[in-house]
C-alpha atoms as a PDB file:
ATOM      1  CA  MET A   1      31.867  34.261 -50.325  1.00  0.00           C
ATOM      2  CA  ALA A   2      31.183  30.447 -51.899  1.00  0.00           C
ATOM      3  CA  PRO A   3      28.295  30.436 -54.212  1.00  0.00           C
ATOM      4  CA  PRO A   4      25.576  28.878 -53.237  1.00  0.00           C
ATOM      5  CA  ARG A   5      24.521  25.190 -53.465  1.00  0.00           C
ATOM      6  CA  ALA A   6      22.573  24.543 -56.278  1.00  0.00           C
ATOM      7  CA  GLN A   7      19.720  22.502 -55.178  1.00  0.00           C
ATOM      8  CA  PRO A   8      18.618  19.440 -57.678  1.00  0.00           C
ATOM      9  CA  GLU A   9      16.625  20.723 -60.797  1.00  0.00           C
ATOM     10  CA  SER A  10      12.947  19.850 -60.430  1.00  0.00           C
ATOM     11  CA  THR A  11      10.792  20.763 -63.315  1.00  0.00           C
ATOM     12  CA  ARG A  12       7.428  20.067 -61.758  1.00  0.00           C
ATOM     13  CA  GLY A  13       5.243  23.132 -62.843  1.00  0.00           C
ATOM     14  CA  ILE A  14       7.067  23.445 -65.939  1.00  0.00           C
ATOM     15  CA  LEU A  15       5.069  22.496 -69.445  1.00  0.00           C
ATOM     16  CA  ALA A  16       7.013  20.363 -71.914  1.00  0.00           C
ATOM     17  CA  PRO A  17      10.116  20.808 -69.389  1.00  0.00           C
ATOM     18  CA  ALA A  18      12.586  19.109 -72.364  1.00  0.00           C
ATOM     19  CA  SER A  19      13.031  22.917 -72.878  1.00  0.00           C
ATOM     20  CA  VAL A  20      15.057  23.564 -69.883  1.00  0.00           C
ATOM     21  CA  ASP A  21      18.751  23.854 -71.291  1.00  0.00           C
ATOM     22  CA  SER A  22      17.985  24.273 -74.617  1.00  0.00           C
ATOM     23  CA  ALA A  23      16.585  27.128 -74.093  1.00  0.00           C
ATOM     24  CA  PHE A  24      17.258  28.379 -69.993  1.00  0.00           C
ATOM     25  CA  ARG A  25      19.504  27.275 -67.705  1.00  0.00           C
ATOM     26  CA  LEU A  26      17.313  26.215 -64.015  1.00  0.00           C
ATOM     27  CA  GLY A  27      19.158  26.200 -60.964  1.00  0.00           C
ATOM     28  CA  ARG A  28      17.853  25.827 -57.456  1.00  0.00           C
ATOM     29  CA  HIS A  29      19.863  27.410 -54.097  1.00  0.00           C
ATOM     30  CA  PRO A  30      19.120  26.981 -50.563  1.00  0.00           C
ATOM     31  CA  VAL A  31      17.801  29.411 -48.337  1.00  0.00           C
ATOM     32  CA  ALA A  32      19.295  30.804 -44.899  1.00  0.00           C
ATOM     33  CA  LEU A  33      18.178  28.654 -41.626  1.00  0.00           C
ATOM     34  CA  ASP A  34      17.393  31.388 -39.883  1.00  0.00           C
ATOM     35  CA  LEU A  35      14.494  32.479 -42.675  1.00  0.00           C
ATOM     36  CA  ALA A  36      14.023  28.913 -43.558  1.00  0.00           C
ATOM     37  CA  HIS A  37      10.574  28.866 -41.622  1.00  0.00           C
ATOM     38  CA  ALA A  38       9.551  31.694 -44.524  1.00  0.00           C
ATOM     39  CA  LEU A  39      11.244  30.416 -47.452  1.00  0.00           C
ATOM     40  CA  GLU A  40      10.766  27.715 -49.327  1.00  0.00           C
ATOM     41  CA  ARG A  41      14.317  27.883 -52.316  1.00  0.00           C
ATOM     42  CA  HIS A  42      15.932  31.078 -54.066  1.00  0.00           C
ATOM     43  CA  TRP A  43      15.862  30.151 -58.108  1.00  0.00           C
ATOM     44  CA  THR A  44      17.413  31.375 -60.837  1.00  0.00           C
ATOM     45  CA  VAL A  45      16.934  31.272 -64.951  1.00  0.00           C
ATOM     46  CA  ALA A  46      19.657  32.340 -67.008  1.00  0.00           C
ATOM     47  CA  TRP A  47      19.079  32.367 -71.166  1.00  0.00           C
ATOM     48  CA  ASP A  48      21.329  33.531 -73.943  1.00  0.00           C
ATOM     49  CA  LEU A  49      19.256  33.526 -76.990  1.00  0.00           C
ATOM     50  CA  ARG A  50      20.717  36.206 -79.162  1.00  0.00           C
ATOM     51  CA  GLY A  51      20.436  34.950 -82.932  1.00  0.00           C
ATOM     52  CA  ARG A  52      17.822  32.557 -82.483  1.00  0.00           C
ATOM     53  CA  ALA A  53      13.563  33.308 -81.837  1.00  0.00           C
ATOM     54  CA  PRO A  54      12.481  34.171 -78.305  1.00  0.00           C
ATOM     55  CA  PHE A  55      11.324  31.566 -76.853  1.00  0.00           C
ATOM     56  CA  THR A  56       8.113  31.699 -74.810  1.00  0.00           C
ATOM     57  CA  GLN A  57       8.053  29.346 -71.328  1.00  0.00           C
ATOM     58  CA  GLU A  58       4.503  28.031 -70.074  1.00  0.00           C
ATOM     59  CA  VAL A  59       4.644  27.720 -66.159  1.00  0.00           C
ATOM     60  CA  LEU A  60       1.555  25.583 -64.338  1.00  0.00           C
ATOM     61  CA  ASN A  61       1.870  27.211 -61.194  1.00  0.00           C
ATOM     62  CA  HIS A  62       2.327  26.120 -57.429  1.00  0.00           C
ATOM     63  CA  PRO A  63       0.527  27.728 -54.478  1.00  0.00           C
ATOM     64  CA  ASN A  64       4.070  29.698 -53.222  1.00  0.00           C
ATOM     65  CA  VAL A  65       3.969  33.436 -53.832  1.00  0.00           C
ATOM     66  CA  ASN A  66       7.071  34.564 -55.450  1.00  0.00           C
ATOM     67  CA  LEU A  67       9.615  37.153 -55.748  1.00  0.00           C
ATOM     68  CA  SER A  68      11.658  38.013 -58.650  1.00  0.00           C
ATOM     69  CA  PHE A  69      14.289  40.152 -60.276  1.00  0.00           C
ATOM     70  CA  GLU A  70      13.738  40.394 -63.861  1.00  0.00           C
ATOM     71  CA  PRO A  71      15.058  42.670 -67.093  1.00  0.00           C
ATOM     72  CA  HIS A  72      12.210  44.835 -66.744  1.00  0.00           C
ATOM     73  CA  GLY A  73      11.695  45.432 -63.137  1.00  0.00           C
ATOM     74  CA  ALA A  74      11.495  43.393 -59.635  1.00  0.00           C
ATOM     75  CA  PHE A  75       7.981  42.330 -58.831  1.00  0.00           C
ATOM     76  CA  VAL A  76       6.073  39.792 -56.398  1.00  0.00           C
ATOM     77  CA  TRP A  77       4.054  37.384 -58.271  1.00  0.00           C
ATOM     78  CA  GLY A  78       0.780  35.681 -56.116  1.00  0.00           C
ATOM     79  CA  VAL A  79      -0.117  32.196 -57.274  1.00  0.00           C
ATOM     80  CA  GLY A  80      -1.452  31.960 -60.474  1.00  0.00           C
ATOM     81  CA  THR A  81      -4.274  30.255 -60.241  1.00  0.00           C
ATOM     82  CA  THR A  82      -4.246  29.288 -64.810  1.00  0.00           C
ATOM     83  CA  ARG A  83      -1.026  29.100 -66.305  1.00  0.00           C
ATOM     84  CA  THR A  84       1.553  31.463 -66.992  1.00  0.00           C
ATOM     85  CA  ARG A  85       3.693  32.583 -69.754  1.00  0.00           C
ATOM     86  CA  HIS A  86       7.100  34.471 -69.751  1.00  0.00           C
ATOM     87  CA  ARG A  87       9.069  35.367 -72.507  1.00  0.00           C
ATOM     88  CA  LEU A  88      12.824  35.147 -72.989  1.00  0.00           C
ATOM     89  CA  ALA A  89      14.336  37.052 -75.532  1.00  0.00           C
ATOM     90  CA  GLY A  90      17.961  38.263 -76.303  1.00  0.00           C
ATOM     91  CA  ARG A  91      20.455  37.641 -73.357  1.00  0.00           C
ATOM     92  CA  GLY A  92      19.627  38.032 -69.273  1.00  0.00           C
ATOM     93  CA  TRP A  93      18.603  36.690 -65.768  1.00  0.00           C
ATOM     94  CA  VAL A  94      16.085  36.505 -63.068  1.00  0.00           C
ATOM     95  CA  LEU A  95      16.829  35.667 -59.523  1.00  0.00           C
ATOM     96  CA  GLY A  96      13.461  34.980 -57.773  1.00  0.00           C
ATOM     97  CA  THR A  97      12.826  33.451 -54.030  1.00  0.00           C
ATOM     98  CA  ARG A  98       9.663  31.065 -53.144  1.00  0.00           C
ATOM     99  CA  PHE A  99       8.146  31.614 -49.771  1.00  0.00           C
ATOM    100  CA  ARG A 100       6.931  28.514 -48.344  1.00  0.00           C
ATOM    101  CA  ALA A 101       2.834  27.991 -48.940  1.00  0.00           C
ATOM    102  CA  GLY A 102       1.668  30.708 -45.667  1.00  0.00           C
ATOM    103  CA  GLY A 103       5.295  32.155 -45.386  1.00  0.00           C
ATOM    104  CA  PHE A 104       4.760  35.656 -47.217  1.00  0.00           C
ATOM    105  CA  ARG A 105       2.135  36.591 -44.991  1.00  0.00           C
ATOM    106  CA  ARG A 106       4.478  37.791 -42.483  1.00  0.00           C
ATOM    107  CA  PHE A 107       5.761  39.995 -44.771  1.00  0.00           C
ATOM    108  CA  VAL A 108       2.652  42.178 -45.640  1.00  0.00           C
ATOM    109  CA  ASP A 109      -0.236  43.883 -44.232  1.00  0.00           C
ATOM    110  CA  PHE A 110      -3.174  42.255 -45.825  1.00  0.00           C
ATOM    111  CA  PRO A 111      -4.285  38.810 -46.864  1.00  0.00           C
ATOM    112  CA  VAL A 112      -2.926  36.836 -49.553  1.00  0.00           C
ATOM    113  CA  ALA A 113      -5.367  36.622 -51.089  1.00  0.00           C
ATOM    114  CA  ARG A 114      -5.604  40.208 -52.845  1.00  0.00           C
ATOM    115  CA  LEU A 115      -2.263  38.979 -54.745  1.00  0.00           C
ATOM    116  CA  THR A 116      -3.927  36.063 -55.984  1.00  0.00           C
ATOM    117  CA  ASP A 117      -3.688  36.214 -60.585  1.00  0.00           C
ATOM    118  CA  ARG A 118      -1.742  39.216 -59.766  1.00  0.00           C
ATOM    119  CA  THR A 119       1.676  40.220 -60.058  1.00  0.00           C
ATOM    120  CA  ILE A 120       2.597  43.809 -58.445  1.00  0.00           C
ATOM    121  CA  PRO A 121       6.031  45.759 -58.605  1.00  0.00           C
ATOM    122  CA  LEU A 122       7.838  44.827 -55.525  1.00  0.00           C
ATOM    123  CA  ALA A 123       7.234  48.620 -54.178  1.00  0.00           C
ATOM    124  CA  GLU A 124       3.874  48.566 -54.155  1.00  0.00           C
ATOM    125  CA  ALA A 125       4.358  45.545 -51.436  1.00  0.00           C
ATOM    126  CA  PHE A 126       7.175  47.210 -49.754  1.00  0.00           C
ATOM    127  CA  GLY A 127       7.522  50.616 -50.408  1.00  0.00           C
ATOM    128  CA  ALA A 128       9.546  52.699 -52.834  1.00  0.00           C
ATOM    129  CA  ALA A 129      12.467  53.893 -51.649  1.00  0.00           C
ATOM    130  CA  ALA A 130      13.192  50.367 -49.970  1.00  0.00           C
ATOM    131  CA  ALA A 131      12.332  48.792 -53.220  1.00  0.00           C
ATOM    132  CA  ASP A 132      14.641  50.792 -55.283  1.00  0.00           C
ATOM    133  CA  ARG A 133      17.448  50.680 -53.092  1.00  0.00           C
ATOM    134  CA  LEU A 134      17.292  46.554 -52.967  1.00  0.00           C
ATOM    135  CA  GLU A 135      16.447  46.570 -57.203  1.00  0.00           C
ATOM    136  CA  ARG A 136      19.546  48.743 -57.565  1.00  0.00           C
ATOM    137  CA  ALA A 137      21.638  46.775 -55.687  1.00  0.00           C
ATOM    138  CA  VAL A 138      20.856  43.308 -56.193  1.00  0.00           C
ATOM    139  CA  ARG A 139      21.765  44.697 -60.704  1.00  0.00           C
ATOM    140  CA  ALA A 140      24.578  46.043 -58.786  1.00  0.00           C
ATOM    141  CA  ARG A 141      26.116  42.151 -57.947  1.00  0.00           C
ATOM    142  CA  GLU A 142      27.987  40.173 -59.976  1.00  0.00           C
ATOM    143  CA  THR A 143      27.228  37.073 -58.652  1.00  0.00           C
ATOM    144  CA  THR A 144      23.727  34.677 -57.560  1.00  0.00           C
ATOM    145  CA  ALA A 145      25.464  34.450 -53.822  1.00  0.00           C
ATOM    146  CA  GLU A 146      26.127  38.360 -52.859  1.00  0.00           C
ATOM    147  CA  ARG A 147      22.408  39.300 -54.791  1.00  0.00           C
ATOM    148  CA  ILE A 148      20.758  36.250 -53.003  1.00  0.00           C
ATOM    149  CA  GLU A 149      22.654  37.668 -49.157  1.00  0.00           C
ATOM    150  CA  LEU A 150      20.959  40.779 -50.467  1.00  0.00           C
ATOM    151  CA  VAL A 151      17.622  39.618 -50.849  1.00  0.00           C
ATOM    152  CA  GLU A 152      17.868  37.420 -47.193  1.00  0.00           C
ATOM    153  CA  ALA A 153      19.159  40.362 -45.558  1.00  0.00           C
ATOM    154  CA  PHE A 154      16.298  42.911 -46.750  1.00  0.00           C
ATOM    155  CA  LEU A 155      13.716  39.911 -45.660  1.00  0.00           C
ATOM    156  CA  ARG A 156      15.053  39.467 -42.512  1.00  0.00           C
ATOM    157  CA  GLU A 157      14.655  43.102 -41.451  1.00  0.00           C
ATOM    158  CA  ARG A 158      11.420  43.052 -42.450  1.00  0.00           C
ATOM    159  CA  SER A 159      11.023  39.071 -40.172  1.00  0.00           C
ATOM    160  CA  ASP A 160       9.811  39.115 -36.605  1.00  0.00           C
ATOM    161  CA  GLY A 161      10.777  35.250 -36.716  1.00  0.00           C
ATOM    162  CA  PRO A 162       8.581  32.253 -37.162  1.00  0.00           C
ATOM    163  CA  ASP A 163       4.560  32.535 -37.702  1.00  0.00           C
ATOM    164  CA  ALA A 164       2.913  29.385 -35.892  1.00  0.00           C
ATOM    165  CA  ARG A 165      -0.079  30.133 -38.016  1.00  0.00           C
ATOM    166  CA  ALA A 166       1.900  30.099 -41.276  1.00  0.00           C
ATOM    167  CA  ALA A 167       4.200  27.031 -39.879  1.00  0.00           C
ATOM    168  CA  GLU A 168       0.852  25.629 -39.637  1.00  0.00           C
ATOM    169  CA  VAL A 169      -0.936  25.958 -42.973  1.00  0.00           C
ATOM    170  CA  ALA A 170       2.262  25.232 -44.510  1.00  0.00           C
ATOM    171  CA  ALA A 171       2.385  21.668 -42.893  1.00  0.00           C
ATOM    172  CA  ILE A 172      -1.394  21.811 -44.068  1.00  0.00           C
ATOM    173  CA  VAL A 173      -0.308  21.773 -47.656  1.00  0.00           C
ATOM    174  CA  ARG A 174       2.718  19.576 -47.523  1.00  0.00           C
ATOM    175  CA  LEU A 175      -0.260  17.082 -45.904  1.00  0.00           C
ATOM    176  CA  LEU A 176      -2.021  18.053 -49.210  1.00  0.00           C
ATOM    177  CA  LEU A 177       1.312  17.739 -51.470  1.00  0.00           C
ATOM    178  CA  ASP A 178       2.325  14.399 -49.994  1.00  0.00           C
ATOM    179  CA  ASP A 179      -1.207  12.502 -50.335  1.00  0.00           C
ATOM    180  CA  PRO A 180      -2.581  12.247 -52.780  1.00  0.00           C
ATOM    181  CA  SER A 181      -5.808  10.166 -51.483  1.00  0.00           C
ATOM    182  CA  ILE A 182      -6.553  13.413 -50.447  1.00  0.00           C
ATOM    183  CA  THR A 183      -9.081  14.207 -53.164  1.00  0.00           C
ATOM    184  CA  ARG A 184     -11.745  16.504 -50.936  1.00  0.00           C
ATOM    185  CA  VAL A 185     -12.208  19.505 -48.567  1.00  0.00           C
ATOM    186  CA  ASP A 186     -13.359  17.251 -46.114  1.00  0.00           C
ATOM    187  CA  GLN A 187     -11.186  14.785 -45.678  1.00  0.00           C
ATOM    188  CA  LEU A 188      -8.892  17.268 -45.358  1.00  0.00           C
ATOM    189  CA  ALA A 189     -10.857  19.083 -42.516  1.00  0.00           C
ATOM    190  CA  ARG A 190     -10.977  15.530 -40.679  1.00  0.00           C
ATOM    191  CA  ARG A 191      -7.372  14.940 -40.818  1.00  0.00           C
ATOM    192  CA  CYS A 192      -6.456  18.171 -39.712  1.00  0.00           C
ATOM    193  CA  HIS A 193      -8.908  18.700 -37.036  1.00  0.00           C
ATOM    194  CA  ARG A 194     -10.115  22.051 -38.543  1.00  0.00           C
ATOM    195  CA  SER A 195     -13.743  22.804 -40.350  1.00  0.00           C
ATOM    196  CA  PRO A 196     -13.588  23.215 -43.970  1.00  0.00           C
ATOM    197  CA  ARG A 197     -14.990  26.801 -42.826  1.00  0.00           C
ATOM    198  CA  THR A 198     -11.816  27.445 -41.011  1.00  0.00           C
ATOM    199  CA  LEU A 199      -9.574  25.999 -43.316  1.00  0.00           C
ATOM    200  CA  GLN A 200     -10.789  28.020 -45.964  1.00  0.00           C
ATOM    201  CA  ARG A 201     -10.550  31.537 -44.212  1.00  0.00           C
ATOM    202  CA  LEU A 202      -6.893  29.836 -43.622  1.00  0.00           C
ATOM    203  CA  PHE A 203      -6.120  29.351 -46.551  1.00  0.00           C
ATOM    204  CA  ALA A 204      -7.400  32.835 -48.408  1.00  0.00           C
ATOM    205  CA  GLU A 205      -5.380  34.722 -45.805  1.00  0.00           C
ATOM    206  CA  TYR A 206      -1.982  32.783 -45.982  1.00  0.00           C
ATOM    207  CA  VAL A 207      -1.875  30.871 -49.184  1.00  0.00           C
ATOM    208  CA  GLY A 208      -4.682  32.988 -51.533  1.00  0.00           C
ATOM    209  CA  VAL A 209      -6.169  30.362 -52.872  1.00  0.00           C
ATOM    210  CA  SER A 210      -8.629  27.541 -51.601  1.00  0.00           C
ATOM    211  CA  PRO A 211      -7.378  23.943 -50.136  1.00  0.00           C
ATOM    212  CA  LYS A 212      -9.765  22.490 -53.029  1.00  0.00           C
ATOM    213  CA  TRP A 213      -7.534  24.397 -55.343  1.00  0.00           C
ATOM    214  CA  VAL A 214      -4.397  22.750 -54.111  1.00  0.00           C
ATOM    215  CA  VAL A 215      -5.933  19.479 -54.379  1.00  0.00           C
ATOM    216  CA  GLN A 216      -6.731  19.980 -57.821  1.00  0.00           C
ATOM    217  CA  ARG A 217      -2.959  21.700 -58.970  1.00  0.00           C
ATOM    218  CA  GLN A 218      -0.869  18.657 -57.216  1.00  0.00           C
ATOM    219  CA  ARG A 219      -3.402  16.577 -59.374  1.00  0.00           C
ATOM    220  CA  LEU A 220      -2.200  18.550 -62.487  1.00  0.00           C
ATOM    221  CA  HIS A 221       1.188  19.052 -61.572  1.00  0.00           C
ATOM    222  CA  THR A 222       1.318  15.090 -61.052  1.00  0.00           C
ATOM    223  CA  ALA A 223      -0.285  14.469 -64.420  1.00  0.00           C
ATOM    224  CA  ALA A 224       1.840  16.732 -66.950  1.00  0.00           C
ATOM    225  CA  GLU A 225       4.993  15.586 -64.728  1.00  0.00           C
ATOM    226  CA  ARG A 226       4.053  11.879 -65.852  1.00  0.00           C
ATOM    227  CA  ILE A 227       2.772  13.074 -69.210  1.00  0.00           C
ATOM    228  CA  ALA A 228       6.188  14.627 -69.761  1.00  0.00           C
ATOM    229  CA  ASP A 229       7.783  11.888 -69.013  1.00  0.00           C
ATOM    230  CA  ARG A 230       6.699   9.191 -70.696  1.00  0.00           C
ATOM    231  CA  PRO A 231       3.984  11.042 -73.594  1.00  0.00           C
ATOM    232  CA  GLY A 232       3.129   7.468 -74.324  1.00  0.00           C
ATOM    233  CA  ILE A 233       1.182   6.810 -70.983  1.00  0.00           C
ATOM    234  CA  ASP A 234      -1.955   5.258 -70.977  1.00  0.00           C
ATOM    235  CA  LEU A 235      -4.385   8.496 -70.512  1.00  0.00           C
ATOM    236  CA  GLY A 236      -7.037   6.659 -69.196  1.00  0.00           C
ATOM    237  CA  ARG A 237      -5.496   4.828 -66.638  1.00  0.00           C
ATOM    238  CA  LEU A 238      -3.493   7.940 -65.427  1.00  0.00           C
ATOM    239  CA  ALA A 239      -7.497   9.447 -65.182  1.00  0.00           C
ATOM    240  CA  VAL A 240      -7.986   6.446 -62.819  1.00  0.00           C
ATOM    241  CA  ASP A 241      -4.567   6.662 -60.485  1.00  0.00           C
ATOM    242  CA  LEU A 242      -5.079  10.165 -60.035  1.00  0.00           C
ATOM    243  CA  GLY A 243      -8.465   9.547 -58.869  1.00  0.00           C
ATOM    244  CA  TYR A 244     -10.592  11.136 -61.730  1.00  0.00           C
ATOM    245  CA  PHE A 245     -14.321   9.801 -62.065  1.00  0.00           C
ATOM    246  CA  ASP A 246     -13.743   9.141 -65.724  1.00  0.00           C
ATOM    247  CA  GLN A 247     -10.846  10.496 -67.902  1.00  0.00           C
ATOM    248  CA  ALA A 248     -13.340  12.725 -69.735  1.00  0.00           C
ATOM    249  CA  HIS A 249     -13.250  14.651 -66.195  1.00  0.00           C
ATOM    250  CA  PHE A 250      -9.406  14.460 -66.064  1.00  0.00           C
ATOM    251  CA  GLY A 251      -9.876  15.785 -69.715  1.00  0.00           C
ATOM    252  CA  ASN A 252     -11.587  18.582 -69.449  1.00  0.00           C
ATOM    253  CA  GLU A 253      -9.994  20.288 -66.215  1.00  0.00           C
ATOM    254  CA  PHE A 254      -6.726  19.618 -67.486  1.00  0.00           C
ATOM    255  CA  LYS A 255      -7.535  20.981 -71.218  1.00  0.00           C
ATOM    256  CA  ALA A 256      -8.832  24.612 -68.578  1.00  0.00           C
ATOM    257  CA  VAL A 257      -5.991  24.766 -67.162  1.00  0.00           C
ATOM    258  CA  VAL A 258      -3.384  23.610 -69.300  1.00  0.00           C
ATOM    259  CA  GLY A 259      -4.516  25.145 -72.291  1.00  0.00           C
ATOM    260  CA  ARG A 260      -4.424  21.786 -73.809  1.00  0.00           C
ATOM    261  CA  THR A 261      -6.133  18.037 -73.840  1.00  0.00           C
ATOM    262  CA  PRO A 262      -4.053  15.432 -72.268  1.00  0.00           C
ATOM    263  CA  ALA A 263      -3.464  14.193 -75.474  1.00  0.00           C
ATOM    264  CA  ASP A 264      -2.346  17.531 -77.305  1.00  0.00           C
ATOM    265  CA  TYR A 265       0.129  18.284 -74.219  1.00  0.00           C
ATOM    266  CA  ALA A 266       1.737  14.489 -75.046  1.00  0.00           C
ATOM    267  CA  ALA A 267       2.447  15.114 -78.509  1.00  0.00           C
ATOM    268  CA  ALA A 268       3.971  18.788 -77.987  1.00  0.00           C
ATOM    269  CA  CYS A 269       6.074  16.810 -75.321  1.00  0.00           C
ATOM    270  CA  ALA A 270       6.946  14.339 -77.232  1.00  0.00           C
ATOM    271  CA  ALA A 271       7.823  17.234 -80.186  1.00  0.00           C
ATOM    272  CA  VAL A 272       9.868  19.236 -77.683  1.00  0.00           C
ATOM    273  CA  ALA A 273      12.055  15.902 -76.605  1.00  0.00           C
ATOM    274  CA  ALA A 274      12.686  15.351 -80.065  1.00  0.00           C
ATOM    275  CA  LEU A 275      14.135  18.847 -80.993  1.00  0.00           C
ATOM    276  CA  ALA A 276      15.844  18.979 -77.238  1.00  0.00           C
ATOM    277  CA  ALA A 277      17.691  15.639 -77.813  1.00  0.00           C
END
């Protein structure tokens, strides 16, 4: 079996992304066509820090549910509304599957909002026996391709095909991500010919966070990405470009989620990049 083709390695959402390659290897892998209605991609992280200090990576999460197989278990990750911290030590690997926004709802019998800011064992979502069989099988395989094949077979057995409502939600989220001019829910509602209340209900059921949250997170992802690319960027100009009322509002929102001011984050990115060079 040929190994899955790795996709270009996007670091969007990874804070201070210069750590990629210096502390761990990140891979992206395509999904089977018949599952593409629900899955966005598979991803892998591998590291070997033996003889080195543990490393903690911070991530600014996307509006997507993920499955993960990690050294200490298998999990379902709901959308995290704040940054998450992932500690890497010794040697290990993680295999993840990222669902399209709204795509996970098809596989469970509860609203996705129930998972927001939660990480649950795979068994809690799919039953202990099935989850245990899958986890054992994944860990027994040697290659990423074999592990992905098992995960996809597991999900395929639990899917009855595309969900029109989930597809609608995914398209709305895609619109938000692609059009930075949409900064308010009422704008989005007009574009989608839906009431704000209907959008709120759809997002709670399928995404787990509100449309407003997705708008805000998109702006912060863009801000963090631009700062990491150019730590000397004009932060006042950046705030204006992203549609903030002023630099103070931008700074307050950025610090509330990222944990440091834009200026402090820029300094941290510059320091990490210097170490990685």
